[in-house]
C-alpha atoms as a PDB file:
ATOM      1  CA  UNK A   1      18.108 -38.765 -18.522  1.00  0.00           C
ATOM      2  CA  UNK A   2      16.635 -37.738 -15.173  1.00  0.00           C
ATOM      3  CA  UNK A   3      12.889 -37.441 -14.946  1.00  0.00           C
ATOM      4  CA  UNK A   4      11.051 -34.813 -12.914  1.00  0.00           C
ATOM      5  CA  UNK A   5      10.034 -36.790  -9.826  1.00  0.00           C
ATOM      6  CA  UNK A   6       6.936 -34.807  -8.864  1.00  0.00           C
ATOM      7  CA  UNK A   7       9.232 -31.780  -8.949  1.00  0.00           C
ATOM      8  CA  UNK A   8      11.805 -33.828  -6.984  1.00  0.00           C
ATOM      9  CA  UNK A   9       9.513 -34.187  -3.963  1.00  0.00           C
ATOM     10  CA  UNK A  10      11.552 -36.268  -1.500  1.00  0.00           C
ATOM     11  CA  UNK A  11       8.491 -37.369   0.458  1.00  0.00           C
ATOM     12  CA  UNK A  12       6.901 -38.653  -2.738  1.00  0.00           C
ATOM     13  CA  UNK A  13       9.956 -40.846  -3.489  1.00  0.00           C
ATOM     14  CA  UNK A  14       9.971 -42.150   0.070  1.00  0.00           C
ATOM     15  CA  UNK A  15       6.354 -43.244  -0.273  1.00  0.00           C
ATOM     16  CA  UNK A  16       7.179 -45.130  -3.474  1.00  0.00           C
ATOM     17  CA  UNK A  17      10.131 -46.793  -1.768  1.00  0.00           C
ATOM     18  CA  UNK A  18       8.010 -47.843   1.198  1.00  0.00           C
ATOM     19  CA  UNK A  19       5.551 -49.502  -1.144  1.00  0.00           C
ATOM     20  CA  UNK A  20       8.367 -51.245  -3.048  1.00  0.00           C
ATOM     21  CA  UNK A  21       9.890 -52.491   0.212  1.00  0.00           C
ATOM     22  CA  UNK A  22       6.667 -54.292   1.106  1.00  0.00           C
ATOM     23  CA  UNK A  23       6.177 -55.698  -2.386  1.00  0.00           C
ATOM     24  CA  UNK A  24       9.707 -57.136  -2.739  1.00  0.00           C
ATOM     25  CA  UNK A  25      10.480 -57.760   0.957  1.00  0.00           C
ATOM     26  CA  UNK A  26      13.761 -55.842   0.783  1.00  0.00           C
ATOM     27  CA  UNK A  27      15.505 -53.370   3.093  1.00  0.00           C
ATOM     28  CA  UNK A  28      14.440 -49.746   3.193  1.00  0.00           C
ATOM     29  CA  UNK A  29      17.808 -48.584   1.828  1.00  0.00           C
ATOM     30  CA  UNK A  30      17.602 -51.002  -1.110  1.00  0.00           C
ATOM     31  CA  UNK A  31      14.076 -49.819  -1.869  1.00  0.00           C
ATOM     32  CA  UNK A  32      15.223 -46.187  -1.921  1.00  0.00           C
ATOM     33  CA  UNK A  33      18.065 -46.958  -4.329  1.00  0.00           C
ATOM     34  CA  UNK A  34      15.842 -48.987  -6.668  1.00  0.00           C
ATOM     35  CA  UNK A  35      13.155 -46.285  -6.662  1.00  0.00           C
ATOM     36  CA  UNK A  36      15.436 -43.403  -7.624  1.00  0.00           C
ATOM     37  CA  UNK A  37      17.244 -45.518 -10.226  1.00  0.00           C
ATOM     38  CA  UNK A  38      13.952 -45.702 -12.139  1.00  0.00           C
ATOM     39  CA  UNK A  39      14.075 -41.929 -12.436  1.00  0.00           C
ATOM     40  CA  UNK A  40      17.640 -41.816 -13.760  1.00  0.00           C
ATOM     41  CA  UNK A  41      19.619 -41.303 -10.540  1.00  0.00           C
ATOM     42  CA  UNK A  42      22.607 -43.460  -9.573  1.00  0.00           C
ATOM     43  CA  UNK A  43      21.462 -44.068  -6.003  1.00  0.00           C
ATOM     44  CA  UNK A  44      19.682 -42.469  -3.056  1.00  0.00           C
ATOM     45  CA  UNK A  45      22.684 -40.293  -2.150  1.00  0.00           C
ATOM     46  CA  UNK A  46      22.870 -38.991  -5.715  1.00  0.00           C
ATOM     47  CA  UNK A  47      19.150 -38.138  -5.593  1.00  0.00           C
ATOM     48  CA  UNK A  48      19.562 -36.258  -2.290  1.00  0.00           C
ATOM     49  CA  UNK A  49      22.484 -34.236  -3.639  1.00  0.00           C
ATOM     50  CA  UNK A  50      20.464 -33.263  -6.707  1.00  0.00           C
ATOM     51  CA  UNK A  51      17.570 -32.222  -4.478  1.00  0.00           C
ATOM     52  CA  UNK A  52      19.548 -30.444  -1.787  1.00  0.00           C
ATOM     53  CA  UNK A  53      17.903 -27.094  -2.524  1.00  0.00           C
ATOM     54  CA  UNK A  54      14.360 -28.433  -2.243  1.00  0.00           C
ATOM     55  CA  UNK A  55      15.259 -30.226   1.008  1.00  0.00           C
ATOM     56  CA  UNK A  56      16.619 -27.008   2.505  1.00  0.00           C
ATOM     57  CA  UNK A  57      13.508 -25.139   1.402  1.00  0.00           C
ATOM     58  CA  UNK A  58      11.315 -27.693   3.077  1.00  0.00           C
ATOM     59  CA  UNK A  59      13.285 -27.418   6.331  1.00  0.00           C
ATOM     60  CA  UNK A  60      12.615 -23.708   6.387  1.00  0.00           C
ATOM     61  CA  UNK A  61       8.999 -23.910   5.262  1.00  0.00           C
ATOM     62  CA  UNK A  62       7.269 -21.168   7.311  1.00  0.00           C
ATOM     63  CA  UNK A  63       3.895 -22.827   6.730  1.00  0.00           C
ATOM     64  CA  UNK A  64       4.772 -26.175   8.305  1.00  0.00           C
ATOM     65  CA  UNK A  65       3.189 -25.346  11.648  1.00  0.00           C
ATOM     66  CA  UNK A  66      -0.465 -24.651  10.907  1.00  0.00           C
ATOM     67  CA  UNK A  67      -2.771 -24.044  13.852  1.00  0.00           C
ATOM     68  CA  UNK A  68      -5.618 -26.432  14.718  1.00  0.00           C
ATOM     69  CA  UNK A  69      -8.067 -23.879  13.300  1.00  0.00           C
ATOM     70  CA  UNK A  70      -6.140 -23.776   9.996  1.00  0.00           C
ATOM     71  CA  UNK A  71      -6.005 -27.551   9.764  1.00  0.00           C
ATOM     72  CA  UNK A  72      -9.748 -27.892  10.390  1.00  0.00           C
ATOM     73  CA  UNK A  73     -10.681 -25.257   7.799  1.00  0.00           C
ATOM     74  CA  UNK A  74      -8.388 -26.774   5.160  1.00  0.00           C
ATOM     75  CA  UNK A  75      -9.343 -30.429   5.657  1.00  0.00           C
ATOM     76  CA  UNK A  76      -9.078 -32.370   2.400  1.00  0.00           C
ATOM     77  CA  UNK A  77      -7.044 -29.703   0.567  1.00  0.00           C
ATOM     78  CA  UNK A  78      -4.622 -31.035  -2.052  1.00  0.00           C
ATOM     79  CA  UNK A  79      -3.284 -29.707  -5.351  1.00  0.00           C
ATOM     80  CA  UNK A  80      -6.539 -30.454  -7.192  1.00  0.00           C
ATOM     81  CA  UNK A  81      -8.637 -28.641  -4.606  1.00  0.00           C
ATOM     82  CA  UNK A  82     -10.774 -30.100  -1.826  1.00  0.00           C
ATOM     83  CA  UNK A  83     -11.246 -33.865  -1.762  1.00  0.00           C
ATOM     84  CA  UNK A  84     -14.357 -35.520  -0.363  1.00  0.00           C
ATOM     85  CA  UNK A  85     -12.341 -37.112   2.432  1.00  0.00           C
ATOM     86  CA  UNK A  86     -11.402 -35.864   5.865  1.00  0.00           C
ATOM     87  CA  UNK A  87      -7.643 -35.946   5.386  1.00  0.00           C
ATOM     88  CA  UNK A  88      -5.759 -33.289   7.336  1.00  0.00           C
ATOM     89  CA  UNK A  89      -3.821 -30.840   5.202  1.00  0.00           C
ATOM     90  CA  UNK A  90      -0.116 -31.576   4.920  1.00  0.00           C
ATOM     91  CA  UNK A  91       1.657 -28.237   4.455  1.00  0.00           C
ATOM     92  CA  UNK A  92       4.594 -30.056   2.831  1.00  0.00           C
ATOM     93  CA  UNK A  93       2.253 -30.611  -0.132  1.00  0.00           C
ATOM     94  CA  UNK A  94       2.699 -26.908  -0.849  1.00  0.00           C
ATOM     95  CA  UNK A  95       6.457 -26.834  -0.296  1.00  0.00           C
ATOM     96  CA  UNK A  96       7.302 -24.521  -3.221  1.00  0.00           C
ATOM     97  CA  UNK A  97       7.580 -21.504  -0.947  1.00  0.00           C
ATOM     98  CA  UNK A  98       8.746 -19.032  -3.591  1.00  0.00           C
ATOM     99  CA  UNK A  99       5.799 -19.922  -5.814  1.00  0.00           C
ATOM    100  CA  UNK A 100       3.294 -19.536  -2.958  1.00  0.00           C
ATOM    101  CA  UNK A 101       4.862 -16.167  -2.095  1.00  0.00           C
ATOM    102  CA  UNK A 102       4.516 -14.977  -5.709  1.00  0.00           C
ATOM    103  CA  UNK A 103       0.840 -15.926  -5.678  1.00  0.00           C
ATOM    104  CA  UNK A 104       0.365 -14.123  -2.368  1.00  0.00           C
ATOM    105  CA  UNK A 105       2.075 -11.018  -3.771  1.00  0.00           C
ATOM    106  CA  UNK A 106      -0.409 -10.839  -6.665  1.00  0.00           C
ATOM    107  CA  UNK A 107      -3.315 -11.402  -4.268  1.00  0.00           C
ATOM    108  CA  UNK A 108      -2.122  -8.446  -2.179  1.00  0.00           C
ATOM    109  CA  UNK A 109      -1.774  -6.278  -5.278  1.00  0.00           C
ATOM    110  CA  UNK A 110      -5.160  -6.922  -6.842  1.00  0.00           C
ATOM    111  CA  UNK A 111      -7.657  -8.086  -4.220  1.00  0.00           C
ATOM    112  CA  UNK A 112      -9.422  -6.535  -1.251  1.00  0.00           C
ATOM    113  CA  UNK A 113     -11.684  -8.296   1.252  1.00  0.00           C
ATOM    114  CA  UNK A 114     -15.455  -7.852   1.196  1.00  0.00           C
ATOM    115  CA  UNK A 115     -18.201  -8.902   3.619  1.00  0.00           C
ATOM    116  CA  UNK A 116     -19.851 -11.323   1.174  1.00  0.00           C
ATOM    117  CA  UNK A 117     -18.514 -14.081  -1.078  1.00  0.00           C
ATOM    118  CA  UNK A 118     -17.948 -13.332  -4.759  1.00  0.00           C
ATOM    119  CA  UNK A 119     -19.690 -16.074  -6.742  1.00  0.00           C
ATOM    120  CA  UNK A 120     -18.592 -14.755 -10.154  1.00  0.00           C
ATOM    121  CA  UNK A 121     -15.385 -16.794 -10.145  1.00  0.00           C
ATOM    122  CA  UNK A 122     -14.537 -20.011  -8.321  1.00  0.00           C
ATOM    123  CA  UNK A 123     -11.052 -20.883  -7.130  1.00  0.00           C
ATOM    124  CA  UNK A 124     -10.536 -22.891 -10.343  1.00  0.00           C
ATOM    125  CA  UNK A 125     -11.394 -19.903 -12.531  1.00  0.00           C
ATOM    126  CA  UNK A 126      -9.319 -17.582 -10.375  1.00  0.00           C
ATOM    127  CA  UNK A 127      -6.263 -19.794 -10.580  1.00  0.00           C
ATOM    128  CA  UNK A 128      -6.425 -19.570 -14.399  1.00  0.00           C
ATOM    129  CA  UNK A 129      -6.448 -15.760 -14.183  1.00  0.00           C
ATOM    130  CA  UNK A 130      -3.362 -15.846 -11.952  1.00  0.00           C
ATOM    131  CA  UNK A 131      -1.632 -18.293 -14.305  1.00  0.00           C
ATOM    132  CA  UNK A 132      -2.028 -15.878 -17.199  1.00  0.00           C
ATOM    133  CA  UNK A 133      -0.788 -13.001 -15.086  1.00  0.00           C
ATOM    134  CA  UNK A 134       2.228 -14.828 -13.625  1.00  0.00           C
ATOM    135  CA  UNK A 135       3.061 -16.817 -16.741  1.00  0.00           C
ATOM    136  CA  UNK A 136       3.419 -19.977 -14.638  1.00  0.00           C
ATOM    137  CA  UNK A 137       1.214 -22.967 -13.848  1.00  0.00           C
ATOM    138  CA  UNK A 138      -0.783 -22.634 -10.613  1.00  0.00           C
ATOM    139  CA  UNK A 139      -2.737 -25.498  -9.067  1.00  0.00           C
ATOM    140  CA  UNK A 140      -6.207 -25.061  -7.618  1.00  0.00           C
ATOM    141  CA  UNK A 141      -4.861 -26.074  -4.205  1.00  0.00           C
ATOM    142  CA  UNK A 142      -1.981 -23.588  -4.321  1.00  0.00           C
ATOM    143  CA  UNK A 143      -4.392 -20.752  -5.056  1.00  0.00           C
ATOM    144  CA  UNK A 144      -6.740 -21.784  -2.229  1.00  0.00           C
ATOM    145  CA  UNK A 145      -3.829 -22.208   0.179  1.00  0.00           C
ATOM    146  CA  UNK A 146      -2.370 -18.786  -0.679  1.00  0.00           C
ATOM    147  CA  UNK A 147      -5.764 -17.081  -0.401  1.00  0.00           C
ATOM    148  CA  UNK A 148      -6.308 -18.618   3.017  1.00  0.00           C
ATOM    149  CA  UNK A 149      -2.862 -17.509   4.200  1.00  0.00           C
ATOM    150  CA  UNK A 150      -3.790 -13.972   3.138  1.00  0.00           C
ATOM    151  CA  UNK A 151      -6.819 -14.101   5.422  1.00  0.00           C
ATOM    152  CA  UNK A 152      -9.629 -14.660   2.901  1.00  0.00           C
ATOM    153  CA  UNK A 153     -12.707 -16.647   3.871  1.00  0.00           C
ATOM    154  CA  UNK A 154     -13.541 -19.875   2.052  1.00  0.00           C
ATOM    155  CA  UNK A 155     -16.946 -21.063   0.838  1.00  0.00           C
ATOM    156  CA  UNK A 156     -16.570 -24.621  -0.414  1.00  0.00           C
ATOM    157  CA  UNK A 157     -18.287 -25.890  -3.540  1.00  0.00           C
ATOM    158  CA  UNK A 158     -17.267 -29.488  -4.301  1.00  0.00           C
ATOM    159  CA  UNK A 159     -13.502 -29.463  -5.037  1.00  0.00           C
ATOM    160  CA  UNK A 160     -13.520 -25.698  -5.630  1.00  0.00           C
ATOM    161  CA  UNK A 161     -14.468 -22.759  -3.428  1.00  0.00           C
ATOM    162  CA  UNK A 162     -15.328 -19.055  -3.475  1.00  0.00           C
ATOM    163  CA  UNK A 163     -13.687 -16.136  -1.684  1.00  0.00           C
ATOM    164  CA  UNK A 164     -14.753 -12.779  -0.245  1.00  0.00           C
ATOM    165  CA  UNK A 165     -13.023 -10.690  -2.932  1.00  0.00           C
ATOM    166  CA  UNK A 166     -14.210  -7.502  -4.627  1.00  0.00           C
ATOM    167  CA  UNK A 167     -15.522  -7.596  -8.191  1.00  0.00           C
ATOM    168  CA  UNK A 168     -13.360  -4.596  -9.104  1.00  0.00           C
ATOM    169  CA  UNK A 169     -10.164  -6.411  -8.137  1.00  0.00           C
ATOM    170  CA  UNK A 170     -11.287  -9.484 -10.077  1.00  0.00           C
ATOM    171  CA  UNK A 171     -12.015  -7.379 -13.167  1.00  0.00           C
ATOM    172  CA  UNK A 172      -8.647  -5.625 -12.888  1.00  0.00           C
ATOM    173  CA  UNK A 173      -6.772  -8.928 -12.704  1.00  0.00           C
ATOM    174  CA  UNK A 174      -8.760 -10.306 -15.658  1.00  0.00           C
ATOM    175  CA  UNK A 175      -7.822  -7.409 -17.957  1.00  0.00           C
ATOM    176  CA  UNK A 176      -4.301  -6.883 -16.580  1.00  0.00           C
ATOM    177  CA  UNK A 177      -2.528  -9.036 -19.173  1.00  0.00           C
ATOM    178  CA  UNK A 178      -4.257  -7.420 -22.142  1.00  0.00           C
ATOM    179  CA  UNK A 179      -3.637  -3.986 -20.693  1.00  0.00           C
ATOM    180  CA  UNK A 180       0.025  -4.420 -19.784  1.00  0.00           C
ATOM    181  CA  UNK A 181       0.821  -6.099 -23.115  1.00  0.00           C
ATOM    182  CA  UNK A 182      -0.802  -3.206 -24.981  1.00  0.00           C
ATOM    183  CA  UNK A 183       1.470  -0.723 -23.247  1.00  0.00           C
ATOM    184  CA  UNK A 184       4.513  -2.511 -24.679  1.00  0.00           C
ATOM    185  CA  UNK A 185       3.505  -1.568 -28.225  1.00  0.00           C
ATOM    186  CA  UNK A 186       5.508   1.314 -29.691  1.00  0.00           C
ATOM    187  CA  UNK A 187       3.176   4.149 -30.697  1.00  0.00           C
ATOM    188  CA  UNK A 188       5.378   7.224 -30.155  1.00  0.00           C
ATOM    189  CA  UNK A 189       4.811   8.599 -33.659  1.00  0.00           C
ATOM    190  CA  UNK A 190       1.041   8.205 -33.398  1.00  0.00           C
ATOM    191  CA  UNK A 191       1.155  10.080 -30.112  1.00  0.00           C
ATOM    192  CA  UNK A 192       3.143  12.959 -31.617  1.00  0.00           C
ATOM    193  CA  UNK A 193       0.702  13.270 -34.540  1.00  0.00           C
ATOM    194  CA  UNK A 194      -2.248  13.152 -32.178  1.00  0.00           C
ATOM    195  CA  UNK A 195      -0.734  15.890 -29.992  1.00  0.00           C
ATOM    196  CA  UNK A 196      -0.190  18.151 -33.018  1.00  0.00           C
ATOM    197  CA  UNK A 197      -3.838  17.671 -33.989  1.00  0.00           C
ATOM    198  CA  UNK A 198      -5.102  18.351 -30.450  1.00  0.00           C
ATOM    199  CA  UNK A 199      -3.011  21.515 -30.120  1.00  0.00           C
ATOM    200  CA  UNK A 200      -4.874  23.052 -33.053  1.00  0.00           C
ATOM    201  CA  UNK A 201      -8.122  22.735 -31.135  1.00  0.00           C
ATOM    202  CA  UNK A 202      -9.180  25.750 -29.054  1.00  0.00           C
ATOM    203  CA  UNK A 203     -10.317  23.621 -26.107  1.00  0.00           C
ATOM    204  CA  UNK A 204      -7.153  21.569 -25.973  1.00  0.00           C
ATOM    205  CA  UNK A 205      -6.539  20.527 -22.383  1.00  0.00           C
ATOM    206  CA  UNK A 206      -2.852  20.807 -21.572  1.00  0.00           C
ATOM    207  CA  UNK A 207      -2.053  18.205 -18.906  1.00  0.00           C
ATOM    208  CA  UNK A 208       1.383  18.075 -17.326  1.00  0.00           C
ATOM    209  CA  UNK A 209       1.823  14.433 -18.383  1.00  0.00           C
ATOM    210  CA  UNK A 210       0.718  12.438 -21.423  1.00  0.00           C
ATOM    211  CA  UNK A 211      -0.774   9.492 -19.490  1.00  0.00           C
ATOM    212  CA  UNK A 212      -4.475  10.276 -19.870  1.00  0.00           C
ATOM    213  CA  UNK A 213      -4.021  11.141 -23.532  1.00  0.00           C
ATOM    214  CA  UNK A 214      -2.054   7.940 -24.164  1.00  0.00           C
ATOM    215  CA  UNK A 215      -4.811   5.810 -22.640  1.00  0.00           C
ATOM    216  CA  UNK A 216      -7.494   7.538 -24.729  1.00  0.00           C
ATOM    217  CA  UNK A 217      -5.432   7.079 -27.886  1.00  0.00           C
ATOM    218  CA  UNK A 218      -4.520   3.474 -27.214  1.00  0.00           C
ATOM    219  CA  UNK A 219      -7.769   1.987 -25.977  1.00  0.00           C
ATOM    220  CA  UNK A 220     -10.429   4.220 -27.504  1.00  0.00           C
ATOM    221  CA  UNK A 221     -12.755   3.374 -24.599  1.00  0.00           C
ATOM    222  CA  UNK A 222     -12.495  -0.415 -25.102  1.00  0.00           C
ATOM    223  CA  UNK A 223     -11.556  -0.715 -21.431  1.00  0.00           C
ATOM    224  CA  UNK A 224     -13.150   1.490 -18.751  1.00  0.00           C
ATOM    225  CA  UNK A 225     -10.629   4.004 -17.422  1.00  0.00           C
ATOM    226  CA  UNK A 226     -11.421   3.074 -13.815  1.00  0.00           C
ATOM    227  CA  UNK A 227     -10.083  -0.415 -14.513  1.00  0.00           C
ATOM    228  CA  UNK A 228      -7.030   0.986 -16.307  1.00  0.00           C
ATOM    229  CA  UNK A 229      -6.305   3.116 -13.244  1.00  0.00           C
ATOM    230  CA  UNK A 230      -6.874   0.089 -11.019  1.00  0.00           C
ATOM    231  CA  UNK A 231      -4.414  -2.178 -12.843  1.00  0.00           C
ATOM    232  CA  UNK A 232      -1.694   0.468 -13.042  1.00  0.00           C
ATOM    233  CA  UNK A 233      -2.220   1.324  -9.386  1.00  0.00           C
ATOM    234  CA  UNK A 234      -1.935  -2.330  -8.383  1.00  0.00           C
ATOM    235  CA  UNK A 235       1.315  -2.708 -10.313  1.00  0.00           C
ATOM    236  CA  UNK A 236       3.050   0.234  -8.621  1.00  0.00           C
ATOM    237  CA  UNK A 237       1.386   0.084  -5.193  1.00  0.00           C
ATOM    238  CA  UNK A 238      -0.996   3.044  -5.429  1.00  0.00           C
ATOM    239  CA  UNK A 239      -4.778   3.468  -5.309  1.00  0.00           C
ATOM    240  CA  UNK A 240      -6.733   3.861  -8.540  1.00  0.00           C
ATOM    241  CA  UNK A 241      -7.898   7.294  -7.330  1.00  0.00           C
ATOM    242  CA  UNK A 242      -4.281   8.467  -6.966  1.00  0.00           C
ATOM    243  CA  UNK A 243      -3.461   7.255 -10.493  1.00  0.00           C
ATOM    244  CA  UNK A 244      -6.511   9.092 -11.840  1.00  0.00           C
ATOM    245  CA  UNK A 245      -5.373  12.323 -10.177  1.00  0.00           C
ATOM    246  CA  UNK A 246      -1.817  11.932 -11.458  1.00  0.00           C
ATOM    247  CA  UNK A 247      -2.967  11.346 -15.021  1.00  0.00           C
ATOM    248  CA  UNK A 248      -4.937  14.582 -15.133  1.00  0.00           C
ATOM    249  CA  UNK A 249      -2.454  16.943 -13.440  1.00  0.00           C
ATOM    250  CA  UNK A 250      -2.579  20.451 -14.930  1.00  0.00           C
ATOM    251  CA  UNK A 251      -0.816  22.607 -12.321  1.00  0.00           C
ATOM    252  CA  UNK A 252       2.602  22.626 -10.676  1.00  0.00           C
ATOM    253  CA  UNK A 253       1.973  19.377  -8.826  1.00  0.00           C
ATOM    254  CA  UNK A 254       4.308  16.544  -9.844  1.00  0.00           C
ATOM    255  CA  UNK A 255       4.326  12.760  -9.700  1.00  0.00           C
ATOM    256  CA  UNK A 256       7.018  11.523  -7.253  1.00  0.00           C
ATOM    257  CA  UNK A 257      10.157  10.660  -9.230  1.00  0.00           C
ATOM    258  CA  UNK A 258      10.328   6.991  -8.161  1.00  0.00           C
ATOM    259  CA  UNK A 259       6.668   6.526  -9.129  1.00  0.00           C
ATOM    260  CA  UNK A 260       7.212   8.270 -12.462  1.00  0.00           C
ATOM    261  CA  UNK A 261      10.040   5.832 -13.204  1.00  0.00           C
ATOM    262  CA  UNK A 262       7.759   2.907 -12.314  1.00  0.00           C
ATOM    263  CA  UNK A 263       5.051   4.298 -14.589  1.00  0.00           C
ATOM    264  CA  UNK A 264       7.523   4.833 -17.433  1.00  0.00           C
ATOM    265  CA  UNK A 265       8.421   1.131 -17.290  1.00  0.00           C
ATOM    266  CA  UNK A 266       4.765   0.155 -17.594  1.00  0.00           C
ATOM    267  CA  UNK A 267       4.195   2.550 -20.505  1.00  0.00           C
ATOM    268  CA  UNK A 268       7.510   1.636 -22.173  1.00  0.00           C
ATOM    269  CA  UNK A 269       8.535   5.297 -22.392  1.00  0.00           C
ATOM    270  CA  UNK A 270      11.435   7.226 -20.875  1.00  0.00           C
ATOM    271  CA  UNK A 271      10.210   9.401 -17.945  1.00  0.00           C
ATOM    272  CA  UNK A 272      11.064  12.639 -19.766  1.00  0.00           C
ATOM    273  CA  UNK A 273       9.006  11.539 -22.801  1.00  0.00           C
ATOM    274  CA  UNK A 274       5.906  11.344 -20.628  1.00  0.00           C
ATOM    275  CA  UNK A 275       6.077  15.011 -19.646  1.00  0.00           C
ATOM    276  CA  UNK A 276       4.039  17.430 -21.726  1.00  0.00           C
ATOM    277  CA  UNK A 277       6.417  20.426 -21.819  1.00  0.00           C
END
């Protein structure tokens, strides 16, 4: 049974082989074969074939060529965070390009840059928030690396650091999982009953869409609406102010069809069910 060799990191295996070569005074090729055999591979060629995809990814790593400025600012960065040493960053450490790109995508969706550092959440706390949102493990170093690539400033604090991110974006990311999971609950019948009750009231406000009513029914003010608008806006690429305006439309104005479809997926309703006709 093959073991996960540091996610099949070829460089990692080569380092082990180099150490074994010195210890047993054998050839480099023999050391490579013996090393991969310990992990369940037949030989070095077998290991390379199994790891062909990761090798190709590494060859095309767009982050391999960091500038001198980048290298100096990221000195000591590894998966755990910043070490106390002065080791230069090796971009091959963060060779899972697709994972880094996913982290960067969420950063773009939820965060905006501010003039000052946000000390409410360190990189370690922030990486946990992203883990919950992505549903995948994220290392402290991967989060720091991705934030730096997105142009955020870094304020070091031991192995962790802080970034110049807005508190609103941080709050939106923190509640995003709870919010998006809540929308998956089926409450169509409750909505219909609530609408019948509201229609009997003289001051019933007839919006073109059910969004604002759905939020009021579902959350009962447990989550501030501004944050609800912010999360939904982040998920479909709109500002929270635009979402707020869309959710309270009363006249002939309409939500663009492609955005309505995106919203219907978040709310787990067919687009036509969201219209209050």
